[in-house]
Amino acid sequence: MAKSNNNVITHGLSGKIGDLLVFRQVRGKTVVSKMPQMPAKSSESQQAHHRRFQQGVLYGKAAVNDPATSGLYAERAAAQKRTAFNVAVADFFNAPDIEHVDISDYTGQPGDIIRIRVHDDFMVKSVTVNIANADGSLVEEGEAQPDASGYVWTYTATQANESLDGDRIAISASDMPGNITRGEQEL
């Protein structure tokens, strides 16, 4: 790629010459490059990625135009020297990560505590806890509450659970764009 600053012949030139060269303006300079070669056809996985990226762009536009979310993304963007749109699109592509579920204080009694460490590149919106018996019957389900950091979420049991043998706890964490991560653990 050739660059030209003060060339009288190419100054301000843009467009293509035949199928060989392309002239364009970049930051006040004329850039000359070979004509790009386009691939014949995108693969199925490339097309799926393009559709997913398109959804991310649509989410980013909607997020920065929504007064409820634009301020949140703008605040993070300023700290990272990025645009709110870029932060929103990145958030769309990254689901929360359930790092650890601490059931050491859960004995099956009302008031017992379950702690969940959840991380997201932007913000975890909600964490849901579901406790089921070995036969699949529901013991209880509800929302965990975040601590001040938003990193550790606490669920307080409300129902008595007589036998914990074979019982399962299922955790669902969601973020602003609606990405959901699920995890399950035997009690």
N, C-alpha and C. Protein backbone atom coordinates (compact mmCIF):
# COMPACT_ATOMS: atom_id res chain seq x y z
N MET A 1 0.85 -1.15 0.00
CA MET A 1 0.00 0.00 0.00
C MET A 1 0.90 1.22 0.00
N ALA A 2 0.66 2.10 -0.92
CA ALA A 2 1.46 3.32 -1.04
C ALA A 2 0.69 4.50 -0.47
N LYS A 3 1.43 5.44 0.17
CA LYS A 3 0.82 6.65 0.71
C LYS A 3 1.43 7.85 0.03
N SER A 4 0.60 8.84 -0.22
CA SER A 4 1.07 10.04 -0.89
C SER A 4 0.57 11.26 -0.14
N ASN A 5 1.49 12.15 0.28
CA ASN A 5 1.10 13.34 1.03
C ASN A 5 0.89 14.54 0.12
N ASN A 6 1.92 14.90 -0.63
CA ASN A 6 1.89 16.14 -1.39
C ASN A 6 2.05 15.91 -2.89
N ASN A 7 1.56 14.80 -3.38
CA ASN A 7 1.67 14.49 -4.79
C ASN A 7 0.54 15.22 -5.52
N VAL A 8 0.90 16.09 -6.43
CA VAL A 8 -0.08 16.90 -7.17
C VAL A 8 -0.98 16.02 -8.01
N ILE A 9 -0.48 14.94 -8.50
CA ILE A 9 -1.25 14.08 -9.39
C ILE A 9 -2.32 13.28 -8.63
N THR A 10 -1.97 12.76 -7.43
CA THR A 10 -2.92 11.91 -6.71
C THR A 10 -3.64 12.62 -5.57
N HIS A 11 -3.32 13.87 -5.30
CA HIS A 11 -3.94 14.59 -4.18
C HIS A 11 -5.47 14.63 -4.32
N GLY A 12 -6.18 14.09 -3.28
CA GLY A 12 -7.64 14.11 -3.27
C GLY A 12 -8.28 13.06 -4.15
N LEU A 13 -7.49 12.20 -4.77
CA LEU A 13 -8.01 11.19 -5.69
C LEU A 13 -8.67 10.06 -4.90
N SER A 14 -9.82 9.59 -5.37
CA SER A 14 -10.45 8.41 -4.78
C SER A 14 -11.19 7.68 -5.90
N GLY A 15 -11.25 6.37 -5.74
CA GLY A 15 -11.91 5.55 -6.75
C GLY A 15 -10.99 4.44 -7.21
N LYS A 16 -11.35 3.78 -8.28
CA LYS A 16 -10.52 2.68 -8.77
C LYS A 16 -10.11 2.92 -10.22
N ILE A 17 -9.00 2.32 -10.55
CA ILE A 17 -8.51 2.35 -11.93
C ILE A 17 -8.54 0.91 -12.42
N GLY A 18 -9.43 0.65 -13.35
CA GLY A 18 -9.59 -0.71 -13.86
C GLY A 18 -9.93 -1.65 -12.73
N ASP A 19 -9.34 -2.85 -12.80
CA ASP A 19 -9.52 -3.84 -11.74
C ASP A 19 -8.21 -4.05 -11.00
N LEU A 20 -7.33 -3.02 -11.01
CA LEU A 20 -6.01 -3.17 -10.41
C LEU A 20 -5.79 -2.32 -9.16
N LEU A 21 -6.11 -1.03 -9.22
CA LEU A 21 -5.77 -0.12 -8.14
C LEU A 21 -7.00 0.58 -7.57
N VAL A 22 -6.92 0.88 -6.25
CA VAL A 22 -7.97 1.62 -5.56
C VAL A 22 -7.31 2.80 -4.85
N PHE A 23 -7.85 4.00 -5.05
CA PHE A 23 -7.38 5.20 -4.37
C PHE A 23 -8.44 5.60 -3.35
N ARG A 24 -7.99 5.95 -2.13
CA ARG A 24 -8.93 6.42 -1.11
C ARG A 24 -8.24 7.40 -0.18
N GLN A 25 -9.05 8.17 0.53
CA GLN A 25 -8.53 9.17 1.45
C GLN A 25 -8.61 8.64 2.88
N VAL A 26 -7.47 8.67 3.59
CA VAL A 26 -7.41 8.26 4.98
C VAL A 26 -6.68 9.33 5.77
N ARG A 27 -7.39 10.02 6.66
CA ARG A 27 -6.83 11.08 7.50
C ARG A 27 -6.09 12.13 6.68
N GLY A 28 -6.70 12.53 5.58
CA GLY A 28 -6.13 13.58 4.75
C GLY A 28 -5.03 13.14 3.81
N LYS A 29 -4.76 11.84 3.75
CA LYS A 29 -3.72 11.33 2.86
C LYS A 29 -4.35 10.41 1.82
N THR A 30 -3.75 10.38 0.65
CA THR A 30 -4.22 9.49 -0.40
C THR A 30 -3.52 8.16 -0.25
N VAL A 31 -4.29 7.09 -0.19
CA VAL A 31 -3.75 5.74 -0.04
C VAL A 31 -4.09 4.96 -1.32
N VAL A 32 -3.07 4.28 -1.86
CA VAL A 32 -3.23 3.49 -3.07
C VAL A 32 -3.01 2.03 -2.69
N SER A 33 -3.93 1.15 -3.10
CA SER A 33 -3.77 -0.27 -2.81
C SER A 33 -4.30 -1.10 -3.97
N LYS A 34 -3.99 -2.40 -3.90
CA LYS A 34 -4.50 -3.33 -4.90
C LYS A 34 -6.00 -3.47 -4.72
N MET A 35 -6.69 -3.75 -5.79
CA MET A 35 -8.13 -3.99 -5.75
C MET A 35 -8.37 -5.23 -4.87
N PRO A 36 -9.25 -5.15 -3.87
CA PRO A 36 -9.49 -6.30 -3.00
C PRO A 36 -10.16 -7.44 -3.76
N GLN A 37 -9.80 -8.64 -3.40
CA GLN A 37 -10.38 -9.84 -3.99
C GLN A 37 -11.42 -10.39 -3.03
N MET A 38 -12.64 -10.50 -3.44
CA MET A 38 -13.71 -11.00 -2.60
C MET A 38 -13.81 -12.51 -2.74
N PRO A 39 -14.05 -13.21 -1.62
CA PRO A 39 -14.21 -14.67 -1.70
C PRO A 39 -15.47 -15.03 -2.49
N ALA A 40 -15.44 -16.19 -3.10
CA ALA A 40 -16.56 -16.61 -3.94
C ALA A 40 -17.86 -16.72 -3.14
N LYS A 41 -17.83 -17.42 -1.98
CA LYS A 41 -19.03 -17.59 -1.19
C LYS A 41 -18.63 -17.85 0.25
N SER A 42 -19.39 -17.30 1.18
CA SER A 42 -19.12 -17.52 2.60
C SER A 42 -19.57 -18.92 3.00
N SER A 43 -18.83 -19.53 3.93
CA SER A 43 -19.22 -20.84 4.44
C SER A 43 -20.42 -20.67 5.37
N GLU A 44 -21.03 -21.77 5.74
CA GLU A 44 -22.19 -21.72 6.64
C GLU A 44 -21.82 -21.12 7.99
N SER A 45 -20.64 -21.47 8.51
CA SER A 45 -20.22 -20.92 9.81
C SER A 45 -19.93 -19.42 9.70
N GLN A 46 -19.39 -18.98 8.56
CA GLN A 46 -19.15 -17.55 8.36
C GLN A 46 -20.48 -16.79 8.30
N GLN A 47 -21.45 -17.37 7.61
CA GLN A 47 -22.76 -16.74 7.53
C GLN A 47 -23.41 -16.66 8.90
N ALA A 48 -23.27 -17.71 9.72
CA ALA A 48 -23.81 -17.70 11.07
C ALA A 48 -23.13 -16.63 11.91
N HIS A 49 -21.82 -16.49 11.75
CA HIS A 49 -21.08 -15.45 12.48
C HIS A 49 -21.54 -14.06 12.04
N HIS A 50 -21.75 -13.86 10.76
CA HIS A 50 -22.23 -12.57 10.25
C HIS A 50 -23.60 -12.23 10.84
N ARG A 51 -24.49 -13.24 10.91
CA ARG A 51 -25.82 -13.01 11.49
C ARG A 51 -25.70 -12.66 12.98
N ARG A 52 -24.84 -13.35 13.69
CA ARG A 52 -24.64 -13.07 15.13
C ARG A 52 -24.06 -11.67 15.32
N PHE A 53 -23.11 -11.30 14.49
CA PHE A 53 -22.53 -9.96 14.59
C PHE A 53 -23.59 -8.90 14.28
N GLN A 54 -24.43 -9.17 13.31
CA GLN A 54 -25.51 -8.24 12.96
C GLN A 54 -26.45 -8.06 14.15
N GLN A 55 -26.76 -9.15 14.85
CA GLN A 55 -27.59 -9.06 16.05
C GLN A 55 -26.89 -8.22 17.13
N GLY A 56 -25.58 -8.39 17.27
CA GLY A 56 -24.82 -7.60 18.24
C GLY A 56 -24.86 -6.12 17.92
N VAL A 57 -24.75 -5.78 16.65
CA VAL A 57 -24.81 -4.37 16.24
C VAL A 57 -26.20 -3.80 16.53
N LEU A 58 -27.24 -4.57 16.23
CA LEU A 58 -28.60 -4.11 16.52
C LEU A 58 -28.79 -3.90 18.02
N TYR A 59 -28.25 -4.82 18.83
CA TYR A 59 -28.34 -4.65 20.28
C TYR A 59 -27.59 -3.40 20.72
N GLY A 60 -26.39 -3.20 20.19
CA GLY A 60 -25.60 -2.03 20.55
C GLY A 60 -26.32 -0.73 20.23
N LYS A 61 -26.94 -0.65 19.06
CA LYS A 61 -27.69 0.55 18.68
C LYS A 61 -28.87 0.78 19.62
N ALA A 62 -29.60 -0.29 19.91
CA ALA A 62 -30.76 -0.16 20.80
C ALA A 62 -30.32 0.24 22.21
N ALA A 63 -29.21 -0.33 22.68
CA ALA A 63 -28.74 -0.05 24.05
C ALA A 63 -28.32 1.40 24.22
N VAL A 64 -27.64 1.98 23.22
CA VAL A 64 -27.20 3.37 23.37
C VAL A 64 -28.35 4.35 23.12
N ASN A 65 -29.42 3.91 22.50
CA ASN A 65 -30.58 4.77 22.30
C ASN A 65 -31.62 4.64 23.42
N ASP A 66 -31.41 3.69 24.32
CA ASP A 66 -32.33 3.49 25.45
C ASP A 66 -31.79 4.24 26.67
N PRO A 67 -32.54 5.20 27.19
CA PRO A 67 -32.05 5.98 28.33
C PRO A 67 -31.70 5.12 29.55
N ALA A 68 -32.37 3.99 29.72
CA ALA A 68 -32.10 3.13 30.88
C ALA A 68 -30.73 2.46 30.81
N THR A 69 -30.24 2.16 29.61
CA THR A 69 -28.96 1.46 29.49
C THR A 69 -27.83 2.33 28.95
N SER A 70 -28.16 3.38 28.23
CA SER A 70 -27.10 4.17 27.59
C SER A 70 -26.14 4.77 28.62
N GLY A 71 -26.65 5.26 29.73
CA GLY A 71 -25.79 5.83 30.76
C GLY A 71 -24.84 4.81 31.36
N LEU A 72 -25.34 3.59 31.58
CA LEU A 72 -24.50 2.53 32.13
C LEU A 72 -23.34 2.20 31.19
N TYR A 73 -23.67 2.03 29.90
CA TYR A 73 -22.62 1.71 28.92
C TYR A 73 -21.68 2.90 28.72
N ALA A 74 -22.22 4.13 28.74
CA ALA A 74 -21.38 5.32 28.55
C ALA A 74 -20.37 5.47 29.69
N GLU A 75 -20.81 5.17 30.91
CA GLU A 75 -19.91 5.27 32.07
C GLU A 75 -18.73 4.31 31.93
N ARG A 76 -19.02 3.06 31.56
CA ARG A 76 -17.94 2.08 31.38
C ARG A 76 -17.06 2.45 30.19
N ALA A 77 -17.68 2.95 29.14
CA ALA A 77 -16.94 3.33 27.93
C ALA A 77 -15.92 4.42 28.23
N ALA A 78 -16.32 5.42 29.02
CA ALA A 78 -15.41 6.52 29.35
C ALA A 78 -14.21 6.00 30.13
N ALA A 79 -14.43 5.06 31.03
CA ALA A 79 -13.34 4.50 31.81
C ALA A 79 -12.38 3.68 30.95
N GLN A 80 -12.89 3.08 29.89
CA GLN A 80 -12.08 2.23 29.01
C GLN A 80 -11.62 2.94 27.74
N LYS A 81 -11.97 4.22 27.60
CA LYS A 81 -11.64 4.99 26.40
C LYS A 81 -12.16 4.31 25.13
N ARG A 82 -13.43 3.89 25.22
CA ARG A 82 -14.13 3.28 24.09
C ARG A 82 -15.47 3.99 23.95
N THR A 83 -16.23 3.61 22.95
CA THR A 83 -17.57 4.18 22.81
C THR A 83 -18.57 3.29 23.54
N ALA A 84 -19.70 3.87 23.94
CA ALA A 84 -20.75 3.11 24.61
C ALA A 84 -21.26 2.01 23.67
N PHE A 85 -21.33 2.32 22.39
CA PHE A 85 -21.77 1.34 21.40
C PHE A 85 -20.83 0.12 21.40
N ASN A 86 -19.52 0.35 21.39
CA ASN A 86 -18.56 -0.75 21.39
C ASN A 86 -18.67 -1.60 22.65
N VAL A 87 -18.86 -0.96 23.80
CA VAL A 87 -19.01 -1.69 25.06
C VAL A 87 -20.27 -2.55 25.01
N ALA A 88 -21.37 -2.00 24.48
CA ALA A 88 -22.63 -2.75 24.39
C ALA A 88 -22.50 -3.94 23.45
N VAL A 89 -21.85 -3.75 22.31
CA VAL A 89 -21.68 -4.87 21.37
C VAL A 89 -20.81 -5.95 22.00
N ALA A 90 -19.74 -5.56 22.67
CA ALA A 90 -18.88 -6.55 23.35
C ALA A 90 -19.67 -7.30 24.41
N ASP A 91 -20.52 -6.60 25.14
CA ASP A 91 -21.36 -7.23 26.16
C ASP A 91 -22.28 -8.27 25.54
N PHE A 92 -22.81 -7.96 24.36
CA PHE A 92 -23.69 -8.89 23.66
C PHE A 92 -23.00 -10.23 23.39
N PHE A 93 -21.71 -10.19 23.12
CA PHE A 93 -20.97 -11.41 22.74
C PHE A 93 -20.44 -12.20 23.93
N ASN A 94 -20.56 -11.67 25.16
CA ASN A 94 -19.97 -12.35 26.31
C ASN A 94 -21.04 -12.65 27.36
N ALA A 95 -21.30 -13.93 27.55
CA ALA A 95 -22.26 -14.37 28.57
C ALA A 95 -21.58 -14.36 29.94
N PRO A 96 -22.38 -14.30 31.01
CA PRO A 96 -21.80 -14.36 32.36
C PRO A 96 -21.09 -15.69 32.60
N ASP A 97 -20.19 -15.69 33.57
CA ASP A 97 -19.44 -16.89 33.93
C ASP A 97 -19.73 -17.21 35.39
N ILE A 98 -20.31 -18.39 35.64
CA ILE A 98 -20.54 -18.84 37.01
C ILE A 98 -19.24 -19.47 37.48
N GLU A 99 -18.54 -18.76 38.37
CA GLU A 99 -17.21 -19.19 38.78
C GLU A 99 -17.24 -20.21 39.92
N HIS A 100 -18.15 -20.01 40.89
CA HIS A 100 -18.16 -20.92 42.05
C HIS A 100 -19.52 -20.86 42.73
N VAL A 101 -19.99 -22.03 43.19
CA VAL A 101 -21.22 -22.11 43.96
C VAL A 101 -20.84 -22.69 45.32
N ASP A 102 -21.04 -21.91 46.38
CA ASP A 102 -20.69 -22.32 47.74
C ASP A 102 -21.96 -22.78 48.45
N ILE A 103 -22.07 -24.11 48.66
CA ILE A 103 -23.24 -24.68 49.33
C ILE A 103 -22.88 -25.17 50.73
N SER A 104 -21.73 -24.76 51.24
CA SER A 104 -21.27 -25.25 52.54
C SER A 104 -22.20 -24.84 53.69
N ASP A 105 -22.95 -23.76 53.54
CA ASP A 105 -23.87 -23.31 54.60
C ASP A 105 -25.31 -23.75 54.35
N TYR A 106 -25.53 -24.60 53.36
CA TYR A 106 -26.89 -25.07 53.07
C TYR A 106 -27.08 -26.46 53.64
N THR A 107 -28.02 -26.58 54.61
CA THR A 107 -28.32 -27.87 55.24
C THR A 107 -29.76 -28.30 54.98
N GLY A 108 -30.50 -27.52 54.20
CA GLY A 108 -31.88 -27.84 53.89
C GLY A 108 -32.88 -27.14 54.80
N GLN A 109 -32.42 -26.16 55.57
CA GLN A 109 -33.29 -25.43 56.48
C GLN A 109 -33.60 -24.04 55.94
N PRO A 110 -34.80 -23.52 56.21
CA PRO A 110 -35.09 -22.14 55.82
C PRO A 110 -34.08 -21.19 56.47
N GLY A 111 -33.62 -20.21 55.71
CA GLY A 111 -32.62 -19.26 56.21
C GLY A 111 -31.20 -19.63 55.85
N ASP A 112 -30.98 -20.88 55.37
CA ASP A 112 -29.63 -21.28 54.95
C ASP A 112 -29.20 -20.44 53.75
N ILE A 113 -27.89 -20.25 53.61
CA ILE A 113 -27.33 -19.37 52.59
C ILE A 113 -26.58 -20.17 51.53
N ILE A 114 -26.79 -19.78 50.28
CA ILE A 114 -26.01 -20.30 49.14
C ILE A 114 -25.37 -19.09 48.49
N ARG A 115 -24.06 -19.12 48.31
CA ARG A 115 -23.33 -18.01 47.70
C ARG A 115 -22.85 -18.43 46.30
N ILE A 116 -23.01 -17.52 45.37
CA ILE A 116 -22.62 -17.78 43.98
C ILE A 116 -21.73 -16.65 43.51
N ARG A 117 -20.54 -17.00 43.01
CA ARG A 117 -19.66 -15.99 42.41
C ARG A 117 -19.89 -16.01 40.91
N VAL A 118 -20.32 -14.85 40.40
CA VAL A 118 -20.65 -14.73 38.97
C VAL A 118 -19.93 -13.51 38.42
N HIS A 119 -19.34 -13.66 37.24
CA HIS A 119 -18.62 -12.55 36.61
C HIS A 119 -19.14 -12.35 35.19
N ASP A 120 -19.19 -11.09 34.78
CA ASP A 120 -19.54 -10.76 33.39
C ASP A 120 -18.64 -9.61 32.96
N ASP A 121 -18.40 -9.48 31.67
CA ASP A 121 -17.53 -8.41 31.19
C ASP A 121 -18.15 -7.03 31.42
N PHE A 122 -19.47 -6.98 31.61
CA PHE A 122 -20.12 -5.70 31.89
C PHE A 122 -20.88 -5.76 33.22
N MET A 123 -22.00 -6.45 33.24
CA MET A 123 -22.80 -6.49 34.47
C MET A 123 -23.72 -7.71 34.46
N VAL A 124 -23.77 -8.41 35.59
CA VAL A 124 -24.72 -9.51 35.76
C VAL A 124 -26.05 -8.88 36.16
N LYS A 125 -27.10 -9.25 35.46
CA LYS A 125 -28.42 -8.66 35.71
C LYS A 125 -29.19 -9.45 36.76
N SER A 126 -29.15 -10.79 36.67
CA SER A 126 -29.88 -11.60 37.65
C SER A 126 -29.24 -12.97 37.78
N VAL A 127 -29.45 -13.56 38.96
CA VAL A 127 -29.01 -14.93 39.24
C VAL A 127 -30.20 -15.65 39.87
N THR A 128 -30.60 -16.77 39.28
CA THR A 128 -31.73 -17.56 39.78
C THR A 128 -31.21 -18.90 40.30
N VAL A 129 -31.75 -19.31 41.44
CA VAL A 129 -31.38 -20.58 42.06
C VAL A 129 -32.60 -21.49 42.05
N ASN A 130 -32.37 -22.76 41.66
CA ASN A 130 -33.42 -23.76 41.61
C ASN A 130 -32.91 -24.99 42.36
N ILE A 131 -33.64 -25.42 43.39
CA ILE A 131 -33.24 -26.61 44.15
C ILE A 131 -34.29 -27.68 43.90
N ALA A 132 -33.83 -28.87 43.47
CA ALA A 132 -34.75 -29.97 43.16
C ALA A 132 -34.31 -31.24 43.87
N ASN A 133 -35.29 -32.05 44.25
CA ASN A 133 -35.01 -33.35 44.87
C ASN A 133 -34.45 -34.31 43.83
N ALA A 134 -33.97 -35.45 44.29
CA ALA A 134 -33.38 -36.46 43.41
C ALA A 134 -34.38 -36.93 42.36
N ASP A 135 -35.68 -36.94 42.70
CA ASP A 135 -36.70 -37.38 41.74
C ASP A 135 -37.11 -36.28 40.76
N GLY A 136 -36.50 -35.09 40.89
CA GLY A 136 -36.78 -33.99 39.98
C GLY A 136 -37.84 -33.02 40.48
N SER A 137 -38.48 -33.35 41.60
CA SER A 137 -39.52 -32.45 42.12
C SER A 137 -38.87 -31.19 42.69
N LEU A 138 -39.53 -30.07 42.47
CA LEU A 138 -38.99 -28.77 42.86
C LEU A 138 -39.14 -28.56 44.36
N VAL A 139 -38.03 -28.20 45.01
CA VAL A 139 -38.06 -27.84 46.43
C VAL A 139 -38.35 -26.35 46.53
N GLU A 140 -37.56 -25.54 45.81
CA GLU A 140 -37.78 -24.10 45.79
C GLU A 140 -36.99 -23.48 44.65
N GLU A 141 -37.40 -22.26 44.33
CA GLU A 141 -36.73 -21.51 43.27
C GLU A 141 -36.88 -20.02 43.61
N GLY A 142 -35.83 -19.25 43.31
CA GLY A 142 -35.92 -17.83 43.57
C GLY A 142 -34.69 -17.08 43.10
N GLU A 143 -34.74 -15.77 43.28
CA GLU A 143 -33.66 -14.88 42.85
C GLU A 143 -32.64 -14.70 43.97
N ALA A 144 -31.37 -14.75 43.61
CA ALA A 144 -30.30 -14.41 44.53
C ALA A 144 -30.11 -12.90 44.52
N GLN A 145 -29.51 -12.38 45.56
CA GLN A 145 -29.29 -10.93 45.69
C GLN A 145 -27.80 -10.64 45.63
N PRO A 146 -27.41 -9.58 44.91
CA PRO A 146 -25.98 -9.28 44.79
C PRO A 146 -25.45 -8.52 46.01
N ASP A 147 -24.14 -8.68 46.27
CA ASP A 147 -23.51 -7.83 47.27
C ASP A 147 -23.15 -6.50 46.60
N ALA A 148 -22.47 -5.64 47.31
CA ALA A 148 -22.15 -4.30 46.79
C ALA A 148 -21.28 -4.36 45.54
N SER A 149 -20.45 -5.39 45.43
CA SER A 149 -19.56 -5.50 44.26
C SER A 149 -20.29 -6.03 43.03
N GLY A 150 -21.42 -6.72 43.24
CA GLY A 150 -22.13 -7.34 42.13
C GLY A 150 -21.47 -8.63 41.68
N TYR A 151 -20.45 -9.08 42.43
CA TYR A 151 -19.68 -10.27 42.07
C TYR A 151 -20.17 -11.51 42.83
N VAL A 152 -20.54 -11.34 44.10
CA VAL A 152 -21.03 -12.45 44.92
C VAL A 152 -22.54 -12.26 45.12
N TRP A 153 -23.28 -13.28 44.76
CA TRP A 153 -24.74 -13.26 44.89
C TRP A 153 -25.12 -14.24 45.98
N THR A 154 -26.12 -13.87 46.80
CA THR A 154 -26.54 -14.70 47.93
C THR A 154 -28.00 -15.10 47.77
N TYR A 155 -28.23 -16.39 47.93
CA TYR A 155 -29.59 -16.90 47.93
C TYR A 155 -29.90 -17.42 49.33
N THR A 156 -31.03 -17.02 49.89
CA THR A 156 -31.46 -17.47 51.20
C THR A 156 -32.62 -18.45 51.02
N ALA A 157 -32.42 -19.68 51.53
CA ALA A 157 -33.44 -20.71 51.39
C ALA A 157 -34.71 -20.33 52.13
N THR A 158 -35.85 -20.72 51.57
CA THR A 158 -37.14 -20.40 52.19
C THR A 158 -37.93 -21.65 52.58
N GLN A 159 -37.54 -22.81 52.05
CA GLN A 159 -38.29 -24.04 52.28
C GLN A 159 -37.40 -25.07 53.00
N ALA A 160 -38.05 -25.93 53.80
CA ALA A 160 -37.34 -27.05 54.43
C ALA A 160 -37.13 -28.13 53.38
N ASN A 161 -35.95 -28.71 53.40
CA ASN A 161 -35.59 -29.78 52.47
C ASN A 161 -35.10 -30.94 53.32
N GLU A 162 -35.96 -31.96 53.50
CA GLU A 162 -35.69 -33.05 54.44
C GLU A 162 -34.44 -33.85 54.11
N SER A 163 -34.32 -34.28 52.89
CA SER A 163 -33.18 -35.13 52.50
C SER A 163 -32.44 -34.48 51.34
N LEU A 164 -31.14 -34.32 51.52
CA LEU A 164 -30.33 -33.70 50.46
C LEU A 164 -29.70 -34.74 49.53
N ASP A 165 -29.88 -36.03 49.83
CA ASP A 165 -29.26 -37.09 49.02
C ASP A 165 -29.76 -37.03 47.58
N GLY A 166 -28.84 -36.80 46.66
CA GLY A 166 -29.15 -36.77 45.24
C GLY A 166 -29.81 -35.50 44.76
N ASP A 167 -30.06 -34.56 45.67
CA ASP A 167 -30.67 -33.29 45.26
C ASP A 167 -29.71 -32.50 44.39
N ARG A 168 -30.28 -31.65 43.56
CA ARG A 168 -29.48 -30.85 42.63
C ARG A 168 -29.83 -29.38 42.77
N ILE A 169 -28.81 -28.56 42.61
CA ILE A 169 -29.01 -27.11 42.60
C ILE A 169 -28.64 -26.63 41.20
N ALA A 170 -29.53 -25.86 40.60
CA ALA A 170 -29.29 -25.31 39.26
C ALA A 170 -29.22 -23.79 39.38
N ILE A 171 -28.21 -23.20 38.76
CA ILE A 171 -27.99 -21.77 38.79
C ILE A 171 -28.11 -21.24 37.36
N SER A 172 -28.84 -20.12 37.20
CA SER A 172 -28.92 -19.42 35.92
C SER A 172 -28.51 -17.97 36.15
N ALA A 173 -27.54 -17.51 35.37
CA ALA A 173 -27.08 -16.11 35.46
C ALA A 173 -27.31 -15.45 34.12
N SER A 174 -27.88 -14.23 34.15
CA SER A 174 -28.13 -13.51 32.90
C SER A 174 -27.52 -12.12 32.98
N ASP A 175 -27.23 -11.55 31.79
CA ASP A 175 -26.65 -10.21 31.72
C ASP A 175 -27.60 -9.27 30.99
N MET A 176 -27.16 -8.04 30.75
CA MET A 176 -28.02 -7.02 30.13
C MET A 176 -28.58 -7.44 28.76
N PRO A 177 -27.76 -8.01 27.85
CA PRO A 177 -28.31 -8.38 26.54
C PRO A 177 -29.18 -9.64 26.57
N GLY A 178 -29.25 -10.32 27.73
CA GLY A 178 -30.08 -11.52 27.82
C GLY A 178 -29.32 -12.81 27.63
N ASN A 179 -27.98 -12.76 27.62
CA ASN A 179 -27.19 -13.99 27.58
C ASN A 179 -27.41 -14.74 28.90
N ILE A 180 -27.59 -16.05 28.82
CA ILE A 180 -27.85 -16.86 30.01
C ILE A 180 -26.81 -17.96 30.09
N THR A 181 -26.23 -18.12 31.29
CA THR A 181 -25.31 -19.21 31.57
C THR A 181 -25.96 -20.06 32.65
N ARG A 182 -25.94 -21.38 32.45
CA ARG A 182 -26.54 -22.29 33.41
C ARG A 182 -25.47 -23.21 33.97
N GLY A 183 -25.62 -23.51 35.24
CA GLY A 183 -24.73 -24.45 35.89
C GLY A 183 -25.55 -25.31 36.83
N GLU A 184 -25.06 -26.53 37.08
CA GLU A 184 -25.77 -27.45 37.95
C GLU A 184 -24.77 -28.17 38.84
N GLN A 185 -25.21 -28.45 40.07
CA GLN A 185 -24.32 -29.10 41.03
C GLN A 185 -25.15 -30.01 41.92
N GLU A 186 -24.60 -31.17 42.27
CA GLU A 186 -25.30 -32.07 43.18
C GLU A 186 -25.00 -31.64 44.61
N LEU A 187 -26.03 -31.69 45.46
CA LEU A 187 -25.86 -31.32 46.87
C LEU A 187 -25.23 -32.45 47.66
